Amino acid sequence: MSKITYNFMSVIAPEGDGKLQFKFEPKLFLFLFKVSKAVMLLYLSAVFCFMIRPFCRKYF
């Protein structure tokens, strides 16, 4: 977990350590961000459907 945070911080502030590969890390971070956003959307839509299903049965 701390390594991911460190990589994230190095993408924000590249002047810290010159040994990291800045050409590769932002692409990886963007990919991980897109994947996590998709997973969150799926999870939220599933939770929303499960929450709203009883109301649909009651009122419609």
Foldseek 3Di string as FASTA:
>chain_A
DVVVVVLVVCQVPVVPDVPDDNVPSVVVVVVVVVVVVVVVVVVVVVVVCVVCVVVVVVPD
